[in-house]
């Protein structure tokens, strides 16, 4: 099967995670500004557990703080890669910290970022953005971001929010007012849960976040009753095969929960998560699903349909919604 020819949609990708030594080297050769020495980032590889991934994240920190100018060529390279892989719809997670802190400059920068993204699409791929909410976010910043994200959504600049970060055993109860405000305003809500913690992480996300999508949700497959709750509620799961292997969230791809989700009829997508960090592509994720899990043409058609059905932006600019 030629995966390059299949239409695809991606719902779980962090823009910071696109960065790789080879990408930085290419950008520098083109004359673009880079914030990390490619050789320094190369020292973080191979990523084979959560500790080595955290080291990779630490090395990319310069791109996580008011780095908008340097992120333009990174997004450009990523959008080109999506088009080459025949991705027709993609949601990309951004951190608000990459934009200016001054509020007037912030709004001007986000509008310019959206306009420039529109120019990259070329009517071949639709790019939508989600703003991330770290689990460790300070309460004062959460209050500010709650209203800011609603205004970003009202201006058509983002489609939803994603709660991210390593699971630390703390409940998400303190986020309840924000989740409620976002849902009422129309934003999509996604929560990373059940990646490196047990089913209690997923149950907590469902109880306090009421998300329409879960990132990873691997440990949910340890409890049939929890899986049935997810299926009945039609909650979409964003699977990331290479990511789960690289961070040791799963030991073997052959036993990855995506295979069981297919059998149970739970809606899910296949995603790269951090393609630069995990040295993967969406075409490669499809190849892994075929080889390790036995996915065929009908399965990939279902993945595409389920991914589009779970998108946070109702309006499709270049595809018929059917």
C-alpha atoms as a PDB file:
ATOM      1  CA  UNK A   1       0.000   0.000   0.000  1.00  0.00           C
ATOM      2  CA  UNK A   2       1.264   3.475  -0.904  1.00  0.00           C
ATOM      3  CA  UNK A   3       0.613   5.616   2.149  1.00  0.00           C
ATOM      4  CA  UNK A   4       1.814   8.793   0.449  1.00  0.00           C
ATOM      5  CA  UNK A   5      -1.263   8.713  -1.796  1.00  0.00           C
ATOM      6  CA  UNK A   6      -3.801   8.481   1.028  1.00  0.00           C
ATOM      7  CA  UNK A   7      -5.540  11.659   2.238  1.00  0.00           C
ATOM      8  CA  UNK A   8      -4.771  12.323   5.894  1.00  0.00           C
ATOM      9  CA  UNK A   9      -5.785  14.518   8.796  1.00  0.00           C
ATOM     10  CA  UNK A  10      -3.693  15.170  11.901  1.00  0.00           C
ATOM     11  CA  UNK A  11      -5.069  16.350  15.239  1.00  0.00           C
ATOM     12  CA  UNK A  12      -2.133  15.979  17.642  1.00  0.00           C
ATOM     13  CA  UNK A  13       1.109  17.767  16.815  1.00  0.00           C
ATOM     14  CA  UNK A  14       3.092  20.295  18.860  1.00  0.00           C
ATOM     15  CA  UNK A  15       4.786  22.941  16.735  1.00  0.00           C
ATOM     16  CA  UNK A  16       7.780  22.979  19.088  1.00  0.00           C
ATOM     17  CA  UNK A  17       8.076  19.240  18.448  1.00  0.00           C
ATOM     18  CA  UNK A  18       8.707  19.783  14.743  1.00  0.00           C
ATOM     19  CA  UNK A  19      12.225  21.030  15.473  1.00  0.00           C
ATOM     20  CA  UNK A  20      15.103  18.678  14.660  1.00  0.00           C
ATOM     21  CA  UNK A  21      18.841  19.052  14.011  1.00  0.00           C
ATOM     22  CA  UNK A  22      18.352  18.496  10.285  1.00  0.00           C
ATOM     23  CA  UNK A  23      15.590  21.106  10.120  1.00  0.00           C
ATOM     24  CA  UNK A  24      17.729  23.661  11.944  1.00  0.00           C
ATOM     25  CA  UNK A  25      20.689  22.934   9.680  1.00  0.00           C
ATOM     26  CA  UNK A  26      18.532  23.460   6.605  1.00  0.00           C
ATOM     27  CA  UNK A  27      17.114  26.705   7.940  1.00  0.00           C
ATOM     28  CA  UNK A  28      20.576  28.042   8.735  1.00  0.00           C
ATOM     29  CA  UNK A  29      21.819  27.161   5.258  1.00  0.00           C
ATOM     30  CA  UNK A  30      18.875  29.118   3.874  1.00  0.00           C
ATOM     31  CA  UNK A  31      19.850  32.144   5.929  1.00  0.00           C
ATOM     32  CA  UNK A  32      17.101  31.853   8.548  1.00  0.00           C
ATOM     33  CA  UNK A  33      17.779  32.574  12.197  1.00  0.00           C
ATOM     34  CA  UNK A  34      18.095  29.550  14.483  1.00  0.00           C
ATOM     35  CA  UNK A  35      18.056  29.683  18.281  1.00  0.00           C
ATOM     36  CA  UNK A  36      19.803  26.369  18.962  1.00  0.00           C
ATOM     37  CA  UNK A  37      22.989  24.912  17.574  1.00  0.00           C
ATOM     38  CA  UNK A  38      21.962  21.825  15.566  1.00  0.00           C
ATOM     39  CA  UNK A  39      24.881  19.889  17.062  1.00  0.00           C
ATOM     40  CA  UNK A  40      23.700  20.740  20.582  1.00  0.00           C
ATOM     41  CA  UNK A  41      20.204  19.439  19.885  1.00  0.00           C
ATOM     42  CA  UNK A  42      21.666  16.360  18.216  1.00  0.00           C
ATOM     43  CA  UNK A  43      23.126  15.399  21.598  1.00  0.00           C
ATOM     44  CA  UNK A  44      19.592  14.686  22.859  1.00  0.00           C
ATOM     45  CA  UNK A  45      19.182  11.732  20.510  1.00  0.00           C
ATOM     46  CA  UNK A  46      18.262   8.941  20.575  1.00  0.00           C
ATOM     47  CA  UNK A  47      15.105   9.592  22.566  1.00  0.00           C
ATOM     48  CA  UNK A  48      14.258   6.290  24.205  1.00  0.00           C
ATOM     49  CA  UNK A  49      12.413   7.186  27.420  1.00  0.00           C
ATOM     50  CA  UNK A  50      10.649  10.064  29.127  1.00  0.00           C
ATOM     51  CA  UNK A  51      13.908  11.332  30.668  1.00  0.00           C
ATOM     52  CA  UNK A  52      15.633  11.716  27.299  1.00  0.00           C
ATOM     53  CA  UNK A  53      12.533  13.428  25.892  1.00  0.00           C
ATOM     54  CA  UNK A  54      12.571  15.899  28.783  1.00  0.00           C
ATOM     55  CA  UNK A  55      16.201  16.648  27.939  1.00  0.00           C
ATOM     56  CA  UNK A  56      15.168  17.332  24.337  1.00  0.00           C
ATOM     57  CA  UNK A  57      12.455  19.681  25.628  1.00  0.00           C
ATOM     58  CA  UNK A  58      14.937  21.507  27.818  1.00  0.00           C
ATOM     59  CA  UNK A  59      17.272  22.066  24.867  1.00  0.00           C
ATOM     60  CA  UNK A  60      14.434  23.539  22.789  1.00  0.00           C
ATOM     61  CA  UNK A  61      13.469  26.009  25.517  1.00  0.00           C
ATOM     62  CA  UNK A  62      14.766  29.047  23.521  1.00  0.00           C
ATOM     63  CA  UNK A  63      11.978  28.371  21.022  1.00  0.00           C
ATOM     64  CA  UNK A  64       9.332  28.289  23.718  1.00  0.00           C
ATOM     65  CA  UNK A  65       9.642  31.890  24.931  1.00  0.00           C
ATOM     66  CA  UNK A  66       8.815  34.895  22.708  1.00  0.00           C
ATOM     67  CA  UNK A  67      10.329  33.209  19.676  1.00  0.00           C
ATOM     68  CA  UNK A  68       7.764  34.146  17.040  1.00  0.00           C
ATOM     69  CA  UNK A  69      10.216  35.411  14.426  1.00  0.00           C
ATOM     70  CA  UNK A  70      12.187  32.168  14.580  1.00  0.00           C
ATOM     71  CA  UNK A  71       9.022  30.043  14.450  1.00  0.00           C
ATOM     72  CA  UNK A  72       7.873  31.367  11.078  1.00  0.00           C
ATOM     73  CA  UNK A  73      10.319  29.271   9.003  1.00  0.00           C
ATOM     74  CA  UNK A  74       9.682  26.251  11.215  1.00  0.00           C
ATOM     75  CA  UNK A  75       5.951  26.378  10.528  1.00  0.00           C
ATOM     76  CA  UNK A  76       6.641  26.970   6.837  1.00  0.00           C
ATOM     77  CA  UNK A  77       8.788  23.839   6.653  1.00  0.00           C
ATOM     78  CA  UNK A  78       6.177  21.823   8.540  1.00  0.00           C
ATOM     79  CA  UNK A  79       3.283  22.928   6.332  1.00  0.00           C
ATOM     80  CA  UNK A  80       5.305  22.005   3.248  1.00  0.00           C
ATOM     81  CA  UNK A  81       5.906  18.561   4.758  1.00  0.00           C
ATOM     82  CA  UNK A  82       2.193  18.127   5.466  1.00  0.00           C
ATOM     83  CA  UNK A  83       1.302  18.999   1.886  1.00  0.00           C
ATOM     84  CA  UNK A  84       3.888  16.528   0.579  1.00  0.00           C
ATOM     85  CA  UNK A  85       2.280  13.807   2.711  1.00  0.00           C
ATOM     86  CA  UNK A  86      -1.187  14.715   1.439  1.00  0.00           C
ATOM     87  CA  UNK A  87      -2.415  15.941   4.785  1.00  0.00           C
ATOM     88  CA  UNK A  88      -5.526  17.973   4.024  1.00  0.00           C
ATOM     89  CA  UNK A  89      -6.428  19.079   7.550  1.00  0.00           C
ATOM     90  CA  UNK A  90      -4.137  19.616  10.535  1.00  0.00           C
ATOM     91  CA  UNK A  91      -4.476  21.031  14.032  1.00  0.00           C
ATOM     92  CA  UNK A  92      -1.216  22.267  15.547  1.00  0.00           C
ATOM     93  CA  UNK A  93      -0.617  23.068  19.212  1.00  0.00           C
ATOM     94  CA  UNK A  94       0.994  26.406  20.066  1.00  0.00           C
ATOM     95  CA  UNK A  95       2.184  27.957  23.299  1.00  0.00           C
ATOM     96  CA  UNK A  96       0.966  31.511  24.026  1.00  0.00           C
ATOM     97  CA  UNK A  97       4.458  32.184  25.424  1.00  0.00           C
ATOM     98  CA  UNK A  98       5.909  32.315  21.903  1.00  0.00           C
ATOM     99  CA  UNK A  99       3.975  35.554  21.298  1.00  0.00           C
ATOM    100  CA  UNK A 100       4.794  39.000  22.773  1.00  0.00           C
ATOM    101  CA  UNK A 101       3.690  39.622  26.357  1.00  0.00           C
ATOM    102  CA  UNK A 102       2.432  43.160  25.649  1.00  0.00           C
ATOM    103  CA  UNK A 103      -1.289  42.787  24.920  1.00  0.00           C
ATOM    104  CA  UNK A 104      -1.429  45.162  21.972  1.00  0.00           C
ATOM    105  CA  UNK A 105       1.617  43.524  20.401  1.00  0.00           C
ATOM    106  CA  UNK A 106       0.169  40.102  21.205  1.00  0.00           C
ATOM    107  CA  UNK A 107      -2.997  40.643  19.188  1.00  0.00           C
ATOM    108  CA  UNK A 108      -1.135  42.163  16.279  1.00  0.00           C
ATOM    109  CA  UNK A 109       1.311  39.235  16.248  1.00  0.00           C
ATOM    110  CA  UNK A 110      -1.354  36.528  16.390  1.00  0.00           C
ATOM    111  CA  UNK A 111      -3.339  38.096  13.552  1.00  0.00           C
ATOM    112  CA  UNK A 112      -0.175  38.345  11.437  1.00  0.00           C
ATOM    113  CA  UNK A 113       0.662  34.710  12.253  1.00  0.00           C
ATOM    114  CA  UNK A 114      -2.804  33.568  11.150  1.00  0.00           C
ATOM    115  CA  UNK A 115      -2.683  35.595   7.927  1.00  0.00           C
ATOM    116  CA  UNK A 116       0.726  34.208   7.071  1.00  0.00           C
ATOM    117  CA  UNK A 117      -0.436  30.657   7.800  1.00  0.00           C
ATOM    118  CA  UNK A 118      -3.330  31.165   5.394  1.00  0.00           C
ATOM    119  CA  UNK A 119      -0.815  32.052   2.687  1.00  0.00           C
ATOM    120  CA  UNK A 120       1.098  28.805   3.310  1.00  0.00           C
ATOM    121  CA  UNK A 121      -1.920  26.563   2.887  1.00  0.00           C
ATOM    122  CA  UNK A 122      -2.110  26.992  -0.871  1.00  0.00           C
ATOM    123  CA  UNK A 123      -5.649  25.566  -0.776  1.00  0.00           C
ATOM    124  CA  UNK A 124      -4.038  22.156  -0.235  1.00  0.00           C
ATOM    125  CA  UNK A 125      -4.089  21.846   3.558  1.00  0.00           C
ATOM    126  CA  UNK A 126      -6.197  23.536   6.222  1.00  0.00           C
ATOM    127  CA  UNK A 127      -4.196  24.531   9.284  1.00  0.00           C
ATOM    128  CA  UNK A 128      -5.943  25.230  12.585  1.00  0.00           C
ATOM    129  CA  UNK A 129      -4.337  26.054  15.920  1.00  0.00           C
ATOM    130  CA  UNK A 130      -4.901  24.963  19.507  1.00  0.00           C
ATOM    131  CA  UNK A 131      -3.452  26.872  22.434  1.00  0.00           C
ATOM    132  CA  UNK A 132      -1.815  24.711  25.068  1.00  0.00           C
ATOM    133  CA  UNK A 133      -2.539  24.849  28.786  1.00  0.00           C
ATOM    134  CA  UNK A 134       0.266  23.327  30.900  1.00  0.00           C
ATOM    135  CA  UNK A 135      -0.839  21.250  33.880  1.00  0.00           C
ATOM    136  CA  UNK A 136       1.477  23.369  36.031  1.00  0.00           C
ATOM    137  CA  UNK A 137       0.092  26.732  34.882  1.00  0.00           C
ATOM    138  CA  UNK A 138      -0.021  29.312  37.677  1.00  0.00           C
ATOM    139  CA  UNK A 139      -3.608  30.193  38.759  1.00  0.00           C
ATOM    140  CA  UNK A 140      -3.161  33.878  37.855  1.00  0.00           C
ATOM    141  CA  UNK A 141      -2.018  32.968  34.344  1.00  0.00           C
ATOM    142  CA  UNK A 142      -4.874  30.488  34.002  1.00  0.00           C
ATOM    143  CA  UNK A 143      -7.383  33.253  34.718  1.00  0.00           C
ATOM    144  CA  UNK A 144      -5.763  35.478  32.091  1.00  0.00           C
ATOM    145  CA  UNK A 145      -5.433  32.701  29.489  1.00  0.00           C
ATOM    146  CA  UNK A 146      -9.017  31.554  29.954  1.00  0.00           C
ATOM    147  CA  UNK A 147     -10.356  34.884  28.687  1.00  0.00           C
ATOM    148  CA  UNK A 148      -7.583  35.355  26.124  1.00  0.00           C
ATOM    149  CA  UNK A 149      -8.287  31.995  24.501  1.00  0.00           C
ATOM    150  CA  UNK A 150     -11.994  32.780  24.277  1.00  0.00           C
ATOM    151  CA  UNK A 151     -11.199  36.037  22.506  1.00  0.00           C
ATOM    152  CA  UNK A 152      -8.756  34.252  20.184  1.00  0.00           C
ATOM    153  CA  UNK A 153     -11.543  31.830  19.284  1.00  0.00           C
ATOM    154  CA  UNK A 154     -14.067  34.627  18.717  1.00  0.00           C
ATOM    155  CA  UNK A 155     -11.622  36.266  16.306  1.00  0.00           C
ATOM    156  CA  UNK A 156     -11.205  33.005  14.393  1.00  0.00           C
ATOM    157  CA  UNK A 157      -7.560  32.622  15.389  1.00  0.00           C
ATOM    158  CA  UNK A 158      -7.741  29.280  17.230  1.00  0.00           C
ATOM    159  CA  UNK A 159     -10.121  26.319  17.225  1.00  0.00           C
ATOM    160  CA  UNK A 160      -9.577  24.954  20.709  1.00  0.00           C
ATOM    161  CA  UNK A 161      -7.354  24.321  23.712  1.00  0.00           C
ATOM    162  CA  UNK A 162      -5.209  21.372  24.774  1.00  0.00           C
ATOM    163  CA  UNK A 163      -4.181  20.601  28.325  1.00  0.00           C
ATOM    164  CA  UNK A 164      -0.641  19.244  28.146  1.00  0.00           C
ATOM    165  CA  UNK A 165       2.394  18.305  30.192  1.00  0.00           C
ATOM    166  CA  UNK A 166       3.660  15.290  32.124  1.00  0.00           C
ATOM    167  CA  UNK A 167       1.010  13.750  34.352  1.00  0.00           C
ATOM    168  CA  UNK A 168       2.031  14.569  37.914  1.00  0.00           C
ATOM    169  CA  UNK A 169      -0.722  12.820  39.865  1.00  0.00           C
ATOM    170  CA  UNK A 170      -2.560  16.052  40.631  1.00  0.00           C
ATOM    171  CA  UNK A 171      -6.248  16.340  39.861  1.00  0.00           C
ATOM    172  CA  UNK A 172      -7.509  18.673  37.142  1.00  0.00           C
ATOM    173  CA  UNK A 173     -10.274  19.917  39.427  1.00  0.00           C
ATOM    174  CA  UNK A 174      -8.801  23.433  39.583  1.00  0.00           C
ATOM    175  CA  UNK A 175      -9.284  23.753  35.820  1.00  0.00           C
ATOM    176  CA  UNK A 176     -13.058  23.129  35.965  1.00  0.00           C
ATOM    177  CA  UNK A 177     -14.135  26.813  35.652  1.00  0.00           C
ATOM    178  CA  UNK A 178     -11.825  27.325  32.666  1.00  0.00           C
ATOM    179  CA  UNK A 179     -12.943  24.151  30.904  1.00  0.00           C
ATOM    180  CA  UNK A 180     -16.558  25.204  31.408  1.00  0.00           C
ATOM    181  CA  UNK A 181     -15.933  28.699  30.019  1.00  0.00           C
ATOM    182  CA  UNK A 182     -14.130  27.318  26.964  1.00  0.00           C
ATOM    183  CA  UNK A 183     -16.822  24.762  26.179  1.00  0.00           C
ATOM    184  CA  UNK A 184     -19.595  27.341  26.602  1.00  0.00           C
ATOM    185  CA  UNK A 185     -17.780  29.681  24.220  1.00  0.00           C
ATOM    186  CA  UNK A 186     -17.517  26.939  21.597  1.00  0.00           C
ATOM    187  CA  UNK A 187     -13.844  25.969  21.835  1.00  0.00           C
ATOM    188  CA  UNK A 188     -12.834  22.354  21.407  1.00  0.00           C
ATOM    189  CA  UNK A 189     -11.240  20.819  24.499  1.00  0.00           C
ATOM    190  CA  UNK A 190      -8.498  18.181  24.354  1.00  0.00           C
ATOM    191  CA  UNK A 191      -6.685  16.681  27.352  1.00  0.00           C
ATOM    192  CA  UNK A 192      -3.474  14.661  27.358  1.00  0.00           C
ATOM    193  CA  UNK A 193      -4.123  11.819  29.818  1.00  0.00           C
ATOM    194  CA  UNK A 194      -3.263   8.196  30.485  1.00  0.00           C
ATOM    195  CA  UNK A 195       0.104   8.341  28.751  1.00  0.00           C
ATOM    196  CA  UNK A 196       2.475   7.593  31.630  1.00  0.00           C
ATOM    197  CA  UNK A 197      -0.053   7.330  34.479  1.00  0.00           C
ATOM    198  CA  UNK A 198      -2.811   4.838  35.187  1.00  0.00           C
ATOM    199  CA  UNK A 199      -6.540   4.880  34.407  1.00  0.00           C
ATOM    200  CA  UNK A 200      -7.136   7.345  37.244  1.00  0.00           C
ATOM    201  CA  UNK A 201      -5.556  10.020  35.044  1.00  0.00           C
ATOM    202  CA  UNK A 202      -8.137   9.397  32.332  1.00  0.00           C
ATOM    203  CA  UNK A 203     -11.034   9.236  34.779  1.00  0.00           C
ATOM    204  CA  UNK A 204      -9.933  12.543  36.294  1.00  0.00           C
ATOM    205  CA  UNK A 205      -9.767  14.151  32.832  1.00  0.00           C
ATOM    206  CA  UNK A 206     -13.278  12.953  31.986  1.00  0.00           C
ATOM    207  CA  UNK A 207     -14.715  14.054  35.331  1.00  0.00           C
ATOM    208  CA  UNK A 208     -13.241  17.531  35.487  1.00  0.00           C
ATOM    209  CA  UNK A 209     -12.511  18.398  31.862  1.00  0.00           C
ATOM    210  CA  UNK A 210     -15.356  16.794  29.889  1.00  0.00           C
ATOM    211  CA  UNK A 211     -13.123  16.772  26.776  1.00  0.00           C
ATOM    212  CA  UNK A 212     -14.287  15.730  23.353  1.00  0.00           C
ATOM    213  CA  UNK A 213     -10.796  14.342  22.655  1.00  0.00           C
ATOM    214  CA  UNK A 214      -8.108  12.599  24.686  1.00  0.00           C
ATOM    215  CA  UNK A 215      -4.425  12.566  23.828  1.00  0.00           C
ATOM    216  CA  UNK A 216      -2.900   9.065  24.177  1.00  0.00           C
ATOM    217  CA  UNK A 217      -5.331   7.592  26.793  1.00  0.00           C
ATOM    218  CA  UNK A 218      -3.261   4.387  26.800  1.00  0.00           C
ATOM    219  CA  UNK A 219      -4.036   3.355  30.356  1.00  0.00           C
ATOM    220  CA  UNK A 220      -7.791   3.574  29.702  1.00  0.00           C
ATOM    221  CA  UNK A 221      -7.410   0.225  27.957  1.00  0.00           C
ATOM    222  CA  UNK A 222      -6.656  -1.373  31.319  1.00  0.00           C
ATOM    223  CA  UNK A 223     -10.276  -0.910  32.419  1.00  0.00           C
ATOM    224  CA  UNK A 224     -13.180  -2.182  30.253  1.00  0.00           C
ATOM    225  CA  UNK A 225     -15.704   0.004  32.081  1.00  0.00           C
ATOM    226  CA  UNK A 226     -13.659   3.124  31.383  1.00  0.00           C
ATOM    227  CA  UNK A 227     -13.332   2.185  27.733  1.00  0.00           C
ATOM    228  CA  UNK A 228     -17.069   1.700  27.503  1.00  0.00           C
ATOM    229  CA  UNK A 229     -17.589   5.164  28.998  1.00  0.00           C
ATOM    230  CA  UNK A 230     -15.285   6.638  26.352  1.00  0.00           C
ATOM    231  CA  UNK A 231     -17.069   4.745  23.581  1.00  0.00           C
ATOM    232  CA  UNK A 232     -20.553   5.718  24.758  1.00  0.00           C
ATOM    233  CA  UNK A 233     -19.558   9.371  25.053  1.00  0.00           C
ATOM    234  CA  UNK A 234     -18.019   9.238  21.561  1.00  0.00           C
ATOM    235  CA  UNK A 235     -14.738  10.650  22.870  1.00  0.00           C
ATOM    236  CA  UNK A 236     -12.049  10.607  20.220  1.00  0.00           C
ATOM    237  CA  UNK A 237      -8.566   9.283  21.084  1.00  0.00           C
ATOM    238  CA  UNK A 238      -5.442  10.752  19.485  1.00  0.00           C
ATOM    239  CA  UNK A 239      -2.919   7.924  19.135  1.00  0.00           C
ATOM    240  CA  UNK A 240       0.775   8.607  18.537  1.00  0.00           C
ATOM    241  CA  UNK A 241       2.588   5.327  17.823  1.00  0.00           C
ATOM    242  CA  UNK A 242       6.202   6.486  17.471  1.00  0.00           C
ATOM    243  CA  UNK A 243       5.827   8.866  20.401  1.00  0.00           C
ATOM    244  CA  UNK A 244       4.633   6.076  22.681  1.00  0.00           C
ATOM    245  CA  UNK A 245       7.563   3.855  21.730  1.00  0.00           C
ATOM    246  CA  UNK A 246      10.146   6.653  22.038  1.00  0.00           C
ATOM    247  CA  UNK A 247       9.002   7.675  25.523  1.00  0.00           C
ATOM    248  CA  UNK A 248       8.537   4.027  26.593  1.00  0.00           C
ATOM    249  CA  UNK A 249       4.814   4.525  27.203  1.00  0.00           C
ATOM    250  CA  UNK A 250       4.309   1.189  25.400  1.00  0.00           C
ATOM    251  CA  UNK A 251       6.838  -1.600  25.111  1.00  0.00           C
ATOM    252  CA  UNK A 252       5.859  -3.068  21.733  1.00  0.00           C
ATOM    253  CA  UNK A 253       3.871  -1.643  18.860  1.00  0.00           C
ATOM    254  CA  UNK A 254       2.170  -4.986  18.283  1.00  0.00           C
ATOM    255  CA  UNK A 255       0.326  -4.493  21.563  1.00  0.00           C
ATOM    256  CA  UNK A 256      -0.510  -0.832  21.054  1.00  0.00           C
ATOM    257  CA  UNK A 257      -4.097   0.050  22.123  1.00  0.00           C
ATOM    258  CA  UNK A 258      -4.870   1.409  18.643  1.00  0.00           C
ATOM    259  CA  UNK A 259      -5.469  -2.174  17.536  1.00  0.00           C
ATOM    260  CA  UNK A 260      -8.000  -2.754  20.287  1.00  0.00           C
ATOM    261  CA  UNK A 261      -9.678   0.604  19.688  1.00  0.00           C
ATOM    262  CA  UNK A 262     -10.259  -0.482  16.091  1.00  0.00           C
ATOM    263  CA  UNK A 263     -11.884  -3.729  17.290  1.00  0.00           C
ATOM    264  CA  UNK A 264     -14.114  -1.903  19.785  1.00  0.00           C
ATOM    265  CA  UNK A 265     -15.236   0.772  17.353  1.00  0.00           C
ATOM    266  CA  UNK A 266     -13.740   3.656  19.337  1.00  0.00           C
ATOM    267  CA  UNK A 267     -13.008   6.685  17.158  1.00  0.00           C
ATOM    268  CA  UNK A 268      -9.327   7.547  16.906  1.00  0.00           C
ATOM    269  CA  UNK A 269      -6.697   9.264  14.802  1.00  0.00           C
ATOM    270  CA  UNK A 270      -3.026   8.571  14.031  1.00  0.00           C
ATOM    271  CA  UNK A 271      -0.629  11.434  14.770  1.00  0.00           C
ATOM    272  CA  UNK A 272       3.045  12.340  15.077  1.00  0.00           C
ATOM    273  CA  UNK A 273       2.923  14.296  18.377  1.00  0.00           C
ATOM    274  CA  UNK A 274       6.510  15.631  18.067  1.00  0.00           C
ATOM    275  CA  UNK A 275       7.837  14.546  14.654  1.00  0.00           C
ATOM    276  CA  UNK A 276      11.201  16.262  15.029  1.00  0.00           C
ATOM    277  CA  UNK A 277      11.860  14.812  18.456  1.00  0.00           C
ATOM    278  CA  UNK A 278      10.626  11.336  17.605  1.00  0.00           C
ATOM    279  CA  UNK A 279      12.011  11.286  14.047  1.00  0.00           C
ATOM    280  CA  UNK A 280       8.702  10.317  12.492  1.00  0.00           C
ATOM    281  CA  UNK A 281       6.177  11.420   9.883  1.00  0.00           C
ATOM    282  CA  UNK A 282       2.483  10.823   9.344  1.00  0.00           C
ATOM    283  CA  UNK A 283       3.274   8.555   6.395  1.00  0.00           C
ATOM    284  CA  UNK A 284       5.557   6.642   8.722  1.00  0.00           C
ATOM    285  CA  UNK A 285       2.832   6.317  11.359  1.00  0.00           C
ATOM    286  CA  UNK A 286       0.541   4.790   8.739  1.00  0.00           C
ATOM    287  CA  UNK A 287       3.302   2.374   7.773  1.00  0.00           C
ATOM    288  CA  UNK A 288       3.767   1.352  11.427  1.00  0.00           C
ATOM    289  CA  UNK A 289       0.020   0.773  11.827  1.00  0.00           C
ATOM    290  CA  UNK A 290       0.002  -1.439   8.743  1.00  0.00           C
ATOM    291  CA  UNK A 291       3.048  -3.500   9.696  1.00  0.00           C
ATOM    292  CA  UNK A 292       2.563  -3.809  13.457  1.00  0.00           C
ATOM    293  CA  UNK A 293      -1.232  -3.718  13.764  1.00  0.00           C
ATOM    294  CA  UNK A 294      -2.392  -5.063  10.420  1.00  0.00           C
ATOM    295  CA  UNK A 295      -4.237  -1.936   9.311  1.00  0.00           C
ATOM    296  CA  UNK A 296      -5.500  -2.037   5.749  1.00  0.00           C
ATOM    297  CA  UNK A 297      -7.102   0.325   3.258  1.00  0.00           C
ATOM    298  CA  UNK A 298     -10.531   0.254   4.953  1.00  0.00           C
ATOM    299  CA  UNK A 299      -8.964   0.946   8.352  1.00  0.00           C
ATOM    300  CA  UNK A 300      -7.093   3.981   7.035  1.00  0.00           C
ATOM    301  CA  UNK A 301     -10.269   5.249   5.398  1.00  0.00           C
ATOM    302  CA  UNK A 302     -11.961   4.991   8.808  1.00  0.00           C
ATOM    303  CA  UNK A 303      -9.043   6.785  10.477  1.00  0.00           C
ATOM    304  CA  UNK A 304      -9.358   9.654   7.999  1.00  0.00           C
ATOM    305  CA  UNK A 305     -13.134   9.869   8.446  1.00  0.00           C
ATOM    306  CA  UNK A 306     -12.891   9.695  12.245  1.00  0.00           C
ATOM    307  CA  UNK A 307     -10.161  12.329  12.316  1.00  0.00           C
ATOM    308  CA  UNK A 308     -12.211  14.786  10.289  1.00  0.00           C
ATOM    309  CA  UNK A 309     -15.312  14.075  12.370  1.00  0.00           C
ATOM    310  CA  UNK A 310     -13.366  14.905  15.542  1.00  0.00           C
ATOM    311  CA  UNK A 311     -11.875  18.176  14.258  1.00  0.00           C
ATOM    312  CA  UNK A 312     -12.407  21.347  16.285  1.00  0.00           C
ATOM    313  CA  UNK A 313     -12.983  23.642  13.288  1.00  0.00           C
ATOM    314  CA  UNK A 314     -16.450  22.893  11.850  1.00  0.00           C
ATOM    315  CA  UNK A 315     -15.814  24.742   8.602  1.00  0.00           C
ATOM    316  CA  UNK A 316     -13.734  22.951   5.989  1.00  0.00           C
ATOM    317  CA  UNK A 317     -12.240  25.408   3.544  1.00  0.00           C
ATOM    318  CA  UNK A 318     -10.943  23.045   0.888  1.00  0.00           C
ATOM    319  CA  UNK A 319     -12.923  19.832   1.405  1.00  0.00           C
ATOM    320  CA  UNK A 320     -16.578  18.928   1.357  1.00  0.00           C
ATOM    321  CA  UNK A 321     -17.670  18.193   4.941  1.00  0.00           C
ATOM    322  CA  UNK A 322     -19.161  14.928   3.718  1.00  0.00           C
END
